Amino acid sequence: IYYSFSDAISAKIQELFEIDRKSGEIRTTGVLDFEDVQSYDLEVEARDQGTPPLSGHCRVELGVLDVND
């Protein structure tokens, strides 16, 4: 099974996060600021290598904590 972000995710959000294709682990790649955005909704797709390939989708909601205050 291979994981990826859905095509519906904006390029700006894809610059802030990366997803490991094999494990599905999501990591930050940019700076997140609570004052700008308090949460992110990411659509993730999982696809197998069958013939035909099957896929499933899920929504991941990430909350940003305000560590400055």
N, C-alpha and C. Protein backbone atom coordinates (compact mmCIF):
# COMPACT_ATOMS: atom_id res chain seq x y z
N ILE A 1 0.85 -1.18 0.00
CA ILE A 1 0.00 0.00 0.00
C ILE A 1 0.89 1.24 0.00
N TYR A 2 0.54 2.21 -0.83
CA TYR A 2 1.27 3.47 -0.91
C TYR A 2 0.33 4.61 -0.53
N TYR A 3 0.87 5.57 0.23
CA TYR A 3 0.10 6.69 0.74
C TYR A 3 0.51 7.98 0.03
N SER A 4 -0.44 8.88 -0.13
CA SER A 4 -0.16 10.19 -0.71
C SER A 4 -1.25 11.15 -0.29
N PHE A 5 -0.96 12.44 -0.44
CA PHE A 5 -1.99 13.44 -0.21
C PHE A 5 -2.90 13.49 -1.42
N SER A 6 -4.14 13.77 -1.19
CA SER A 6 -5.11 13.91 -2.27
C SER A 6 -4.76 15.10 -3.14
N ASP A 7 -5.17 15.06 -4.38
CA ASP A 7 -4.96 16.19 -5.29
C ASP A 7 -5.72 17.44 -4.85
N ALA A 8 -6.70 17.26 -3.96
CA ALA A 8 -7.51 18.39 -3.50
C ALA A 8 -6.75 19.27 -2.52
N ILE A 9 -5.60 18.82 -2.01
CA ILE A 9 -4.82 19.59 -1.05
C ILE A 9 -4.04 20.68 -1.79
N SER A 10 -4.09 21.89 -1.27
CA SER A 10 -3.42 23.01 -1.93
C SER A 10 -1.90 22.85 -1.88
N ALA A 11 -1.23 23.49 -2.82
CA ALA A 11 0.24 23.44 -2.88
C ALA A 11 0.85 24.07 -1.63
N LYS A 12 0.21 25.08 -1.07
CA LYS A 12 0.71 25.74 0.13
C LYS A 12 0.75 24.77 1.31
N ILE A 13 -0.30 23.99 1.47
CA ILE A 13 -0.33 23.01 2.56
C ILE A 13 0.66 21.88 2.29
N GLN A 14 0.82 21.48 1.04
CA GLN A 14 1.77 20.42 0.72
C GLN A 14 3.21 20.85 0.99
N GLU A 15 3.47 22.16 1.01
CA GLU A 15 4.80 22.65 1.37
C GLU A 15 5.06 22.54 2.86
N LEU A 16 4.00 22.49 3.67
CA LEU A 16 4.15 22.43 5.13
C LEU A 16 4.25 21.01 5.66
N PHE A 17 3.76 20.03 4.89
CA PHE A 17 3.71 18.64 5.35
C PHE A 17 4.24 17.71 4.28
N GLU A 18 4.75 16.56 4.74
CA GLU A 18 5.13 15.49 3.82
C GLU A 18 4.58 14.19 4.37
N ILE A 19 4.33 13.25 3.49
CA ILE A 19 3.82 11.95 3.89
C ILE A 19 4.76 10.87 3.37
N ASP A 20 5.10 9.93 4.23
CA ASP A 20 5.94 8.81 3.82
C ASP A 20 5.09 7.86 2.99
N ARG A 21 5.51 7.62 1.77
CA ARG A 21 4.71 6.80 0.84
C ARG A 21 4.46 5.40 1.35
N LYS A 22 5.40 4.83 2.08
CA LYS A 22 5.25 3.43 2.52
C LYS A 22 4.55 3.29 3.87
N SER A 23 4.85 4.18 4.82
CA SER A 23 4.27 4.04 6.16
C SER A 23 3.04 4.91 6.38
N GLY A 24 2.89 5.98 5.61
CA GLY A 24 1.78 6.90 5.80
C GLY A 24 2.05 7.94 6.88
N GLU A 25 3.25 7.94 7.46
CA GLU A 25 3.58 8.89 8.51
C GLU A 25 3.62 10.31 7.93
N ILE A 26 2.96 11.24 8.62
CA ILE A 26 2.90 12.63 8.19
C ILE A 26 3.85 13.44 9.08
N ARG A 27 4.70 14.25 8.45
CA ARG A 27 5.66 15.09 9.16
C ARG A 27 5.54 16.53 8.69
N THR A 28 5.94 17.45 9.55
CA THR A 28 5.96 18.86 9.14
C THR A 28 7.28 19.14 8.42
N THR A 29 7.22 19.99 7.42
CA THR A 29 8.41 20.41 6.70
C THR A 29 8.57 21.92 6.74
N GLY A 30 7.56 22.60 7.26
CA GLY A 30 7.59 24.05 7.36
C GLY A 30 7.22 24.49 8.76
N VAL A 31 7.23 25.76 8.99
CA VAL A 31 6.90 26.33 10.29
C VAL A 31 5.39 26.52 10.37
N LEU A 32 4.81 26.03 11.47
CA LEU A 32 3.38 26.19 11.71
C LEU A 32 3.20 27.27 12.77
N ASP A 33 2.29 28.20 12.54
CA ASP A 33 2.05 29.29 13.47
C ASP A 33 0.59 29.28 13.89
N PHE A 34 0.35 29.10 15.18
CA PHE A 34 -1.01 29.04 15.71
C PHE A 34 -1.79 30.30 15.40
N GLU A 35 -1.12 31.46 15.40
CA GLU A 35 -1.82 32.71 15.12
C GLU A 35 -2.32 32.79 13.68
N ASP A 36 -1.67 32.09 12.77
CA ASP A 36 -2.10 32.08 11.36
C ASP A 36 -3.19 31.04 11.11
N VAL A 37 -2.93 29.81 11.50
CA VAL A 37 -3.87 28.71 11.27
C VAL A 37 -3.87 27.81 12.50
N GLN A 38 -5.05 27.53 13.05
CA GLN A 38 -5.15 26.71 14.24
C GLN A 38 -5.27 25.21 13.94
N SER A 39 -5.71 24.86 12.74
CA SER A 39 -5.82 23.44 12.38
C SER A 39 -5.75 23.27 10.87
N TYR A 40 -5.36 22.09 10.46
CA TYR A 40 -5.26 21.74 9.04
C TYR A 40 -6.06 20.48 8.79
N ASP A 41 -6.78 20.44 7.68
CA ASP A 41 -7.49 19.25 7.24
C ASP A 41 -6.76 18.68 6.03
N LEU A 42 -6.26 17.47 6.17
CA LEU A 42 -5.51 16.82 5.09
C LEU A 42 -6.29 15.61 4.59
N GLU A 43 -6.39 15.48 3.30
CA GLU A 43 -7.00 14.29 2.70
C GLU A 43 -5.88 13.36 2.28
N VAL A 44 -5.93 12.12 2.77
CA VAL A 44 -4.89 11.14 2.48
C VAL A 44 -5.51 10.00 1.67
N GLU A 45 -4.76 9.55 0.68
CA GLU A 45 -5.19 8.43 -0.16
C GLU A 45 -4.24 7.26 0.05
N ALA A 46 -4.80 6.07 0.20
CA ALA A 46 -4.02 4.83 0.28
C ALA A 46 -4.38 4.00 -0.95
N ARG A 47 -3.37 3.55 -1.68
CA ARG A 47 -3.61 2.81 -2.93
C ARG A 47 -2.76 1.55 -2.94
N ASP A 48 -3.37 0.43 -3.33
CA ASP A 48 -2.60 -0.81 -3.43
C ASP A 48 -2.08 -0.99 -4.85
N GLN A 49 -1.36 -2.08 -5.07
CA GLN A 49 -0.78 -2.32 -6.39
C GLN A 49 -1.49 -3.45 -7.13
N GLY A 50 -2.74 -3.66 -6.80
CA GLY A 50 -3.51 -4.70 -7.47
C GLY A 50 -3.88 -4.32 -8.88
N THR A 51 -4.52 -5.26 -9.56
CA THR A 51 -5.00 -5.02 -10.92
C THR A 51 -6.50 -5.26 -10.93
N PRO A 52 -7.30 -4.26 -10.98
CA PRO A 52 -6.98 -2.84 -10.96
C PRO A 52 -6.61 -2.39 -9.54
N PRO A 53 -5.86 -1.31 -9.42
CA PRO A 53 -5.50 -0.82 -8.08
C PRO A 53 -6.73 -0.27 -7.36
N LEU A 54 -6.82 -0.59 -6.08
CA LEU A 54 -7.91 -0.08 -5.25
C LEU A 54 -7.36 1.02 -4.35
N SER A 55 -8.23 1.95 -4.00
CA SER A 55 -7.78 3.05 -3.14
C SER A 55 -8.83 3.36 -2.10
N GLY A 56 -8.36 3.95 -1.02
CA GLY A 56 -9.24 4.42 0.04
C GLY A 56 -8.78 5.81 0.44
N HIS A 57 -9.70 6.58 0.99
CA HIS A 57 -9.41 7.96 1.36
C HIS A 57 -9.78 8.18 2.81
N CYS A 58 -9.07 9.07 3.48
CA CYS A 58 -9.45 9.48 4.83
C CYS A 58 -9.07 10.93 5.02
N ARG A 59 -9.67 11.54 6.01
CA ARG A 59 -9.39 12.93 6.35
C ARG A 59 -8.64 12.93 7.66
N VAL A 60 -7.52 13.66 7.71
CA VAL A 60 -6.70 13.79 8.91
C VAL A 60 -6.78 15.24 9.35
N GLU A 61 -7.21 15.48 10.58
CA GLU A 61 -7.26 16.84 11.11
C GLU A 61 -6.10 17.01 12.09
N LEU A 62 -5.26 18.02 11.80
CA LEU A 62 -4.10 18.32 12.63
C LEU A 62 -4.34 19.64 13.35
N GLY A 63 -4.24 19.61 14.67
CA GLY A 63 -4.40 20.82 15.46
C GLY A 63 -3.05 21.39 15.82
N VAL A 64 -2.92 22.71 15.75
CA VAL A 64 -1.67 23.40 16.09
C VAL A 64 -1.82 23.96 17.50
N LEU A 65 -0.85 23.66 18.36
CA LEU A 65 -0.87 24.15 19.73
C LEU A 65 -0.14 25.49 19.82
N ASP A 66 -0.63 26.37 20.66
CA ASP A 66 0.00 27.67 20.87
C ASP A 66 1.00 27.53 22.01
N VAL A 67 2.28 27.36 21.68
CA VAL A 67 3.30 27.14 22.70
C VAL A 67 3.93 28.45 23.17
N ASN A 68 3.64 29.57 22.52
CA ASN A 68 4.22 30.86 22.92
C ASN A 68 3.57 31.41 24.18
N ASP A 69 2.29 31.11 24.38
CA ASP A 69 1.57 31.69 25.52
C ASP A 69 1.65 30.78 26.70
